[in-house]
C-alpha atoms as a PDB file:
ATOM      1  CA  MET A   1     -54.384   1.205 -20.115  1.00  0.00           C
ATOM      2  CA  THR A   2     -54.917  -2.519 -20.164  1.00  0.00           C
ATOM      3  CA  GLU A   3     -53.288  -5.040 -17.858  1.00  0.00           C
ATOM      4  CA  SER A   4     -51.218  -6.610 -20.663  1.00  0.00           C
ATOM      5  CA  SER A   5     -49.592  -3.318 -21.704  1.00  0.00           C
ATOM      6  CA  LYS A   6     -47.804  -2.902 -18.358  1.00  0.00           C
ATOM      7  CA  TRP A   7     -45.258  -5.646 -19.110  1.00  0.00           C
ATOM      8  CA  PRO A   8     -42.833  -5.604 -22.034  1.00  0.00           C
ATOM      9  CA  ALA A   9     -43.296  -8.251 -24.659  1.00  0.00           C
ATOM     10  CA  PHE A  10     -40.502 -10.860 -24.816  1.00  0.00           C
ATOM     11  CA  ARG A  11     -39.891 -13.273 -27.598  1.00  0.00           C
ATOM     12  CA  PRO A  12     -40.024 -16.978 -26.671  1.00  0.00           C
ATOM     13  CA  ALA A  13     -36.238 -17.355 -27.154  1.00  0.00           C
ATOM     14  CA  THR A  14     -35.573 -14.512 -24.678  1.00  0.00           C
ATOM     15  CA  LEU A  15     -37.935 -16.032 -22.129  1.00  0.00           C
ATOM     16  CA  ALA A  16     -36.180 -19.390 -22.473  1.00  0.00           C
ATOM     17  CA  LEU A  17     -32.789 -17.755 -21.891  1.00  0.00           C
ATOM     18  CA  ILE A  18     -34.072 -15.939 -18.791  1.00  0.00           C
ATOM     19  CA  ALA A  19     -35.558 -19.161 -17.435  1.00  0.00           C
ATOM     20  CA  TRP A  20     -32.267 -20.986 -18.041  1.00  0.00           C
ATOM     21  CA  LEU A  21     -30.075 -18.272 -16.404  1.00  0.00           C
ATOM     22  CA  ALA A  22     -32.275 -17.575 -13.363  1.00  0.00           C
ATOM     23  CA  PRO A  23     -31.167 -20.624 -11.293  1.00  0.00           C
ATOM     24  CA  VAL A  24     -27.514 -19.930 -12.127  1.00  0.00           C
ATOM     25  CA  ALA A  25     -27.810 -16.286 -11.076  1.00  0.00           C
ATOM     26  CA  ALA A  26     -29.585 -17.240  -7.852  1.00  0.00           C
ATOM     27  CA  GLN A  27     -26.673 -19.506  -6.833  1.00  0.00           C
ATOM     28  CA  ALA A  28     -23.908 -17.012  -7.622  1.00  0.00           C
ATOM     29  CA  PRO A  29     -22.360 -15.655  -4.423  1.00  0.00           C
ATOM     30  CA  VAL A  30     -22.667 -11.946  -3.825  1.00  0.00           C
ATOM     31  CA  THR A  31     -19.287 -10.617  -2.746  1.00  0.00           C
ATOM     32  CA  SER A  32     -17.712  -7.227  -2.538  1.00  0.00           C
ATOM     33  CA  ALA A  33     -14.104  -6.334  -3.217  1.00  0.00           C
ATOM     34  CA  ALA A  34     -13.525  -5.605   0.470  1.00  0.00           C
ATOM     35  CA  ALA A  35     -14.819  -9.033   1.494  1.00  0.00           C
ATOM     36  CA  ALA A  36     -12.344 -10.745  -0.840  1.00  0.00           C
ATOM     37  CA  GLN A  37      -9.328  -9.008   0.705  1.00  0.00           C
ATOM     38  CA  VAL A  38      -7.055 -10.878   3.077  1.00  0.00           C
ATOM     39  CA  THR A  39      -5.400  -8.789   5.789  1.00  0.00           C
ATOM     40  CA  LEU A  40      -1.779  -9.744   6.277  1.00  0.00           C
ATOM     41  CA  GLN A  41       0.103  -8.801   9.420  1.00  0.00           C
ATOM     42  CA  VAL A  42       3.546  -7.424   8.580  1.00  0.00           C
ATOM     43  CA  GLU A  43       6.308  -8.699  10.886  1.00  0.00           C
ATOM     44  CA  ALA A  44      10.006  -7.887  10.897  1.00  0.00           C
ATOM     45  CA  SER A  45      12.165 -10.525  12.539  1.00  0.00           C
ATOM     46  CA  SER A  46      15.376  -8.510  12.405  1.00  0.00           C
ATOM     47  CA  GLY A  47      16.361  -4.884  12.487  1.00  0.00           C
ATOM     48  CA  LEU A  48      17.514  -2.452   9.872  1.00  0.00           C
ATOM     49  CA  PRO A  49      19.603   0.731  10.310  1.00  0.00           C
ATOM     50  CA  GLY A  50      17.518   3.768  11.170  1.00  0.00           C
ATOM     51  CA  PHE A  51      14.497   1.842  12.496  1.00  0.00           C
ATOM     52  CA  HIS A  52      13.120   0.489  15.722  1.00  0.00           C
ATOM     53  CA  ARG A  53      11.200  -2.772  15.211  1.00  0.00           C
ATOM     54  CA  GLY A  54       7.699  -1.232  15.431  1.00  0.00           C
ATOM     55  CA  GLU A  55       8.672   1.596  13.094  1.00  0.00           C
ATOM     56  CA  LEU A  56      10.060  -0.893  10.590  1.00  0.00           C
ATOM     57  CA  GLN A  57       6.814  -2.892  10.558  1.00  0.00           C
ATOM     58  CA  ARG A  58       4.778   0.294   9.920  1.00  0.00           C
ATOM     59  CA  TYR A  59       7.230   1.328   7.195  1.00  0.00           C
ATOM     60  CA  LEU A  60       6.986  -2.083   5.493  1.00  0.00           C
ATOM     61  CA  ALA A  61       3.159  -2.124   5.632  1.00  0.00           C
ATOM     62  CA  LEU A  62       3.017   1.387   4.159  1.00  0.00           C
ATOM     63  CA  HIS A  63       5.274   0.537   1.217  1.00  0.00           C
ATOM     64  CA  MET A  64       3.611  -2.843   0.627  1.00  0.00           C
ATOM     65  CA  THR A  65       0.331  -0.951   0.186  1.00  0.00           C
ATOM     66  CA  GLU A  66       1.937   1.097  -2.630  1.00  0.00           C
ATOM     67  CA  VAL A  67       1.875  -2.018  -4.837  1.00  0.00           C
ATOM     68  CA  GLU A  68      -1.963  -1.696  -4.942  1.00  0.00           C
ATOM     69  CA  LEU A  69      -2.856  -5.381  -4.821  1.00  0.00           C
ATOM     70  CA  SER A  70      -6.655  -5.671  -4.624  1.00  0.00           C
ATOM     71  CA  ASP A  71      -6.620  -9.062  -2.851  1.00  0.00           C
ATOM     72  CA  TRP A  72      -4.409  -7.983   0.058  1.00  0.00           C
ATOM     73  CA  ARG A  73      -4.390  -5.481   2.928  1.00  0.00           C
ATOM     74  CA  PHE A  74      -1.344  -4.884   5.115  1.00  0.00           C
ATOM     75  CA  GLU A  75      -1.146  -3.950   8.788  1.00  0.00           C
ATOM     76  CA  PRO A  76       1.824  -3.765  11.148  1.00  0.00           C
ATOM     77  CA  ALA A  77       1.831  -6.794  13.435  1.00  0.00           C
ATOM     78  CA  ALA A  78       0.959  -6.417  17.095  1.00  0.00           C
ATOM     79  CA  GLN A  79       3.646  -7.237  19.639  1.00  0.00           C
ATOM     80  CA  GLY A  80       3.746 -10.802  20.914  1.00  0.00           C
ATOM     81  CA  GLY A  81       3.034 -13.901  18.886  1.00  0.00           C
ATOM     82  CA  SER A  82       2.749 -14.498  15.179  1.00  0.00           C
ATOM     83  CA  ALA A  83      -0.470 -13.928  13.258  1.00  0.00           C
ATOM     84  CA  ARG A  84      -1.904 -16.762  11.151  1.00  0.00           C
ATOM     85  CA  ASP A  85      -1.953 -14.576   8.004  1.00  0.00           C
ATOM     86  CA  ARG A  86       1.321 -12.708   7.811  1.00  0.00           C
ATOM     87  CA  VAL A  87       4.400 -11.701   5.871  1.00  0.00           C
ATOM     88  CA  GLU A  88       7.646 -12.111   7.794  1.00  0.00           C
ATOM     89  CA  TRP A  89      10.489  -9.859   6.671  1.00  0.00           C
ATOM     90  CA  THR A  90      14.141 -10.618   7.435  1.00  0.00           C
ATOM     91  CA  PHE A  91      17.077  -8.345   6.639  1.00  0.00           C
ATOM     92  CA  LYS A  92      20.609  -9.729   6.589  1.00  0.00           C
ATOM     93  CA  LEU A  93      23.718  -7.636   6.189  1.00  0.00           C
ATOM     94  CA  ASP A  94      25.847  -8.965   3.339  1.00  0.00           C
ATOM     95  CA  PRO A  95      29.660  -8.890   3.440  1.00  0.00           C
ATOM     96  CA  PHE A  96      31.460  -5.849   2.094  1.00  0.00           C
ATOM     97  CA  ALA A  97      33.666  -6.288  -0.985  1.00  0.00           C
ATOM     98  CA  GLY A  98      36.677  -6.927   1.250  1.00  0.00           C
ATOM     99  CA  GLY A  99      34.998 -10.025   2.666  1.00  0.00           C
ATOM    100  CA  GLU A 100      34.389  -8.464   6.058  1.00  0.00           C
ATOM    101  CA  VAL A 101      30.983  -9.011   7.658  1.00  0.00           C
ATOM    102  CA  ARG A 102      29.504  -6.174   9.664  1.00  0.00           C
ATOM    103  CA  SER A 103      26.403  -6.042  11.784  1.00  0.00           C
ATOM    104  CA  PHE A 104      23.750  -3.342  11.954  1.00  0.00           C
ATOM    105  CA  ALA A 105      24.304  -2.831  15.666  1.00  0.00           C
ATOM    106  CA  HIS A 106      26.585  -0.070  16.907  1.00  0.00           C
ATOM    107  CA  ALA A 107      27.663   1.411  13.589  1.00  0.00           C
ATOM    108  CA  PRO A 108      30.637   3.712  13.933  1.00  0.00           C
ATOM    109  CA  VAL A 109      29.695   7.389  14.185  1.00  0.00           C
ATOM    110  CA  HIS A 110      31.278   8.295  10.831  1.00  0.00           C
ATOM    111  CA  GLU A 111      29.160   5.656   9.039  1.00  0.00           C
ATOM    112  CA  SER A 112      25.871   6.746  10.571  1.00  0.00           C
ATOM    113  CA  ARG A 113      26.529  10.421   9.784  1.00  0.00           C
ATOM    114  CA  PHE A 114      27.536   9.994   6.160  1.00  0.00           C
ATOM    115  CA  GLY A 115      24.911   7.407   5.220  1.00  0.00           C
ATOM    116  CA  ILE A 116      27.040   4.506   4.040  1.00  0.00           C
ATOM    117  CA  HIS A 117      25.181   2.282   1.589  1.00  0.00           C
ATOM    118  CA  ARG A 118      25.196  -1.352   2.665  1.00  0.00           C
ATOM    119  CA  PRO A 119      24.541  -4.532   0.701  1.00  0.00           C
ATOM    120  CA  ILE A 120      21.712  -6.522   2.283  1.00  0.00           C
ATOM    121  CA  THR A 121      19.618  -9.584   1.551  1.00  0.00           C
ATOM    122  CA  ILE A 122      15.889  -9.161   2.045  1.00  0.00           C
ATOM    123  CA  GLU A 123      13.627 -12.163   2.580  1.00  0.00           C
ATOM    124  CA  ALA A 124       9.828 -12.102   2.773  1.00  0.00           C
ATOM    125  CA  ARG A 125       7.902 -15.229   3.768  1.00  0.00           C
ATOM    126  CA  LEU A 126       4.139 -15.564   3.320  1.00  0.00           C
ATOM    127  CA  TYR A 127       2.044 -17.525   5.822  1.00  0.00           C
ATOM    128  CA  LEU A 128      -1.695 -18.132   5.370  1.00  0.00           C
ATOM    129  CA  ASN A 129      -3.754 -19.857   8.063  1.00  0.00           C
ATOM    130  CA  GLY A 130      -0.499 -20.437   9.921  1.00  0.00           C
ATOM    131  CA  GLU A 131       1.035 -22.434   7.047  1.00  0.00           C
ATOM    132  CA  TYR A 132       4.098 -21.396   5.085  1.00  0.00           C
ATOM    133  CA  GLN A 133       3.251 -20.582   1.443  1.00  0.00           C
ATOM    134  CA  ALA A 134       6.117 -18.862  -0.382  1.00  0.00           C
ATOM    135  CA  LEU A 135       9.451 -17.049  -0.041  1.00  0.00           C
ATOM    136  CA  VAL A 136      10.958 -14.219  -2.058  1.00  0.00           C
ATOM    137  CA  GLU A 137      14.561 -13.105  -1.642  1.00  0.00           C
ATOM    138  CA  LYS A 138      16.221  -9.990  -3.029  1.00  0.00           C
ATOM    139  CA  GLN A 139      19.611  -8.400  -2.679  1.00  0.00           C
ATOM    140  CA  ALA A 140      19.811  -4.632  -2.523  1.00  0.00           C
ATOM    141  CA  ILE A 141      22.137  -1.838  -1.535  1.00  0.00           C
ATOM    142  CA  VAL A 142      20.463   0.468   0.955  1.00  0.00           C
ATOM    143  CA  GLN A 143      21.333   3.262   3.320  1.00  0.00           C
ATOM    144  CA  GLY A 144      18.529   2.475   5.754  1.00  0.00           C
ATOM    145  CA  GLY A 145      16.063   4.731   7.476  1.00  0.00           C
ATOM    146  CA  PRO A 146      12.617   5.899   6.436  1.00  0.00           C
ATOM    147  CA  GLU A 147      13.896   8.363   3.806  1.00  0.00           C
ATOM    148  CA  ASP A 148      15.887   5.786   1.782  1.00  0.00           C
ATOM    149  CA  PRO A 149      14.375   5.513  -1.736  1.00  0.00           C
ATOM    150  CA  ASP A 150      16.403   2.360  -2.512  1.00  0.00           C
ATOM    151  CA  LEU A 151      14.942   0.573   0.509  1.00  0.00           C
ATOM    152  CA  ALA A 152      11.389   1.662  -0.414  1.00  0.00           C
ATOM    153  CA  ALA A 153      11.886   0.417  -3.985  1.00  0.00           C
ATOM    154  CA  ALA A 154      13.230  -2.920  -2.697  1.00  0.00           C
ATOM    155  CA  VAL A 155      10.209  -3.392  -0.403  1.00  0.00           C
ATOM    156  CA  VAL A 156       7.822  -2.666  -3.292  1.00  0.00           C
ATOM    157  CA  SER A 157       9.718  -5.066  -5.568  1.00  0.00           C
ATOM    158  CA  VAL A 158       9.722  -7.901  -3.030  1.00  0.00           C
ATOM    159  CA  THR A 159       6.004  -7.382  -2.323  1.00  0.00           C
ATOM    160  CA  ARG A 160       5.184  -7.508  -6.045  1.00  0.00           C
ATOM    161  CA  ASN A 161       7.350 -10.626  -6.510  1.00  0.00           C
ATOM    162  CA  LEU A 162       5.670 -12.345  -3.561  1.00  0.00           C
ATOM    163  CA  LEU A 163       1.995 -11.372  -3.919  1.00  0.00           C
ATOM    164  CA  GLY A 164       1.566  -9.802  -7.366  1.00  0.00           C
ATOM    165  CA  PRO A 165      -0.364 -11.467 -10.209  1.00  0.00           C
ATOM    166  CA  SER A 166       2.782 -13.178 -11.488  1.00  0.00           C
ATOM    167  CA  GLY A 167       4.404 -13.471  -8.059  1.00  0.00           C
ATOM    168  CA  ALA A 168       5.569 -16.510  -6.117  1.00  0.00           C
ATOM    169  CA  TYR A 169       2.269 -17.061  -4.282  1.00  0.00           C
ATOM    170  CA  HIS A 170       0.246 -17.246  -7.504  1.00  0.00           C
ATOM    171  CA  ALA A 171       2.895 -19.428  -9.161  1.00  0.00           C
ATOM    172  CA  ILE A 172       2.230 -22.241  -6.679  1.00  0.00           C
ATOM    173  CA  ASP A 173      -1.414 -22.418  -7.816  1.00  0.00           C
ATOM    174  CA  THR A 174      -0.601 -22.959 -11.480  1.00  0.00           C
ATOM    175  CA  PRO A 175      -0.400 -26.511 -12.870  1.00  0.00           C
ATOM    176  CA  PRO A 176       3.023 -27.675 -14.081  1.00  0.00           C
ATOM    177  CA  HIS A 177       3.806 -27.090 -17.738  1.00  0.00           C
ATOM    178  CA  ARG A 178       3.244 -30.169 -19.838  1.00  0.00           C
ATOM    179  CA  ALA A 179       5.544 -31.306 -22.605  1.00  0.00           C
ATOM    180  CA  ARG A 180       4.033 -31.022 -26.032  1.00  0.00           C
END
């Protein structure tokens, strides 16, 4: 076998293309999907029926993960202080139809036993590098507690509306629409 038969023969046009692309390929960053992910700490600034604060943060992080967003990871926040990259959740009890406002604290025994559904407003705020980025708000009717499918669906919906491909965070990066 001769020395020239070890290498494949390329046409001059192919060699020119390789020579043109080589510097571009050498400058392209090598990244993995895991390196591109941002880990967001999940914080809950107020309570919700059926949860202690730490349990609520774990619950939120678990259901946020269900959205399967490749750019984001979610972890319950550690106690004390706010993380630079975080999602802050707030739950507010809305008034009942009669106009009365109730709080989550000290629900009467008959309400906690029978699982009364309550109207609430859910807010999720995104902070990156310690700076506020976006807010999503949703109203829902939930029973509360870790077995509530309506609450889980609301958490998934808010997460998608905040961080999803067409969510509030990505909307701030798009240029304004121009009049034609």
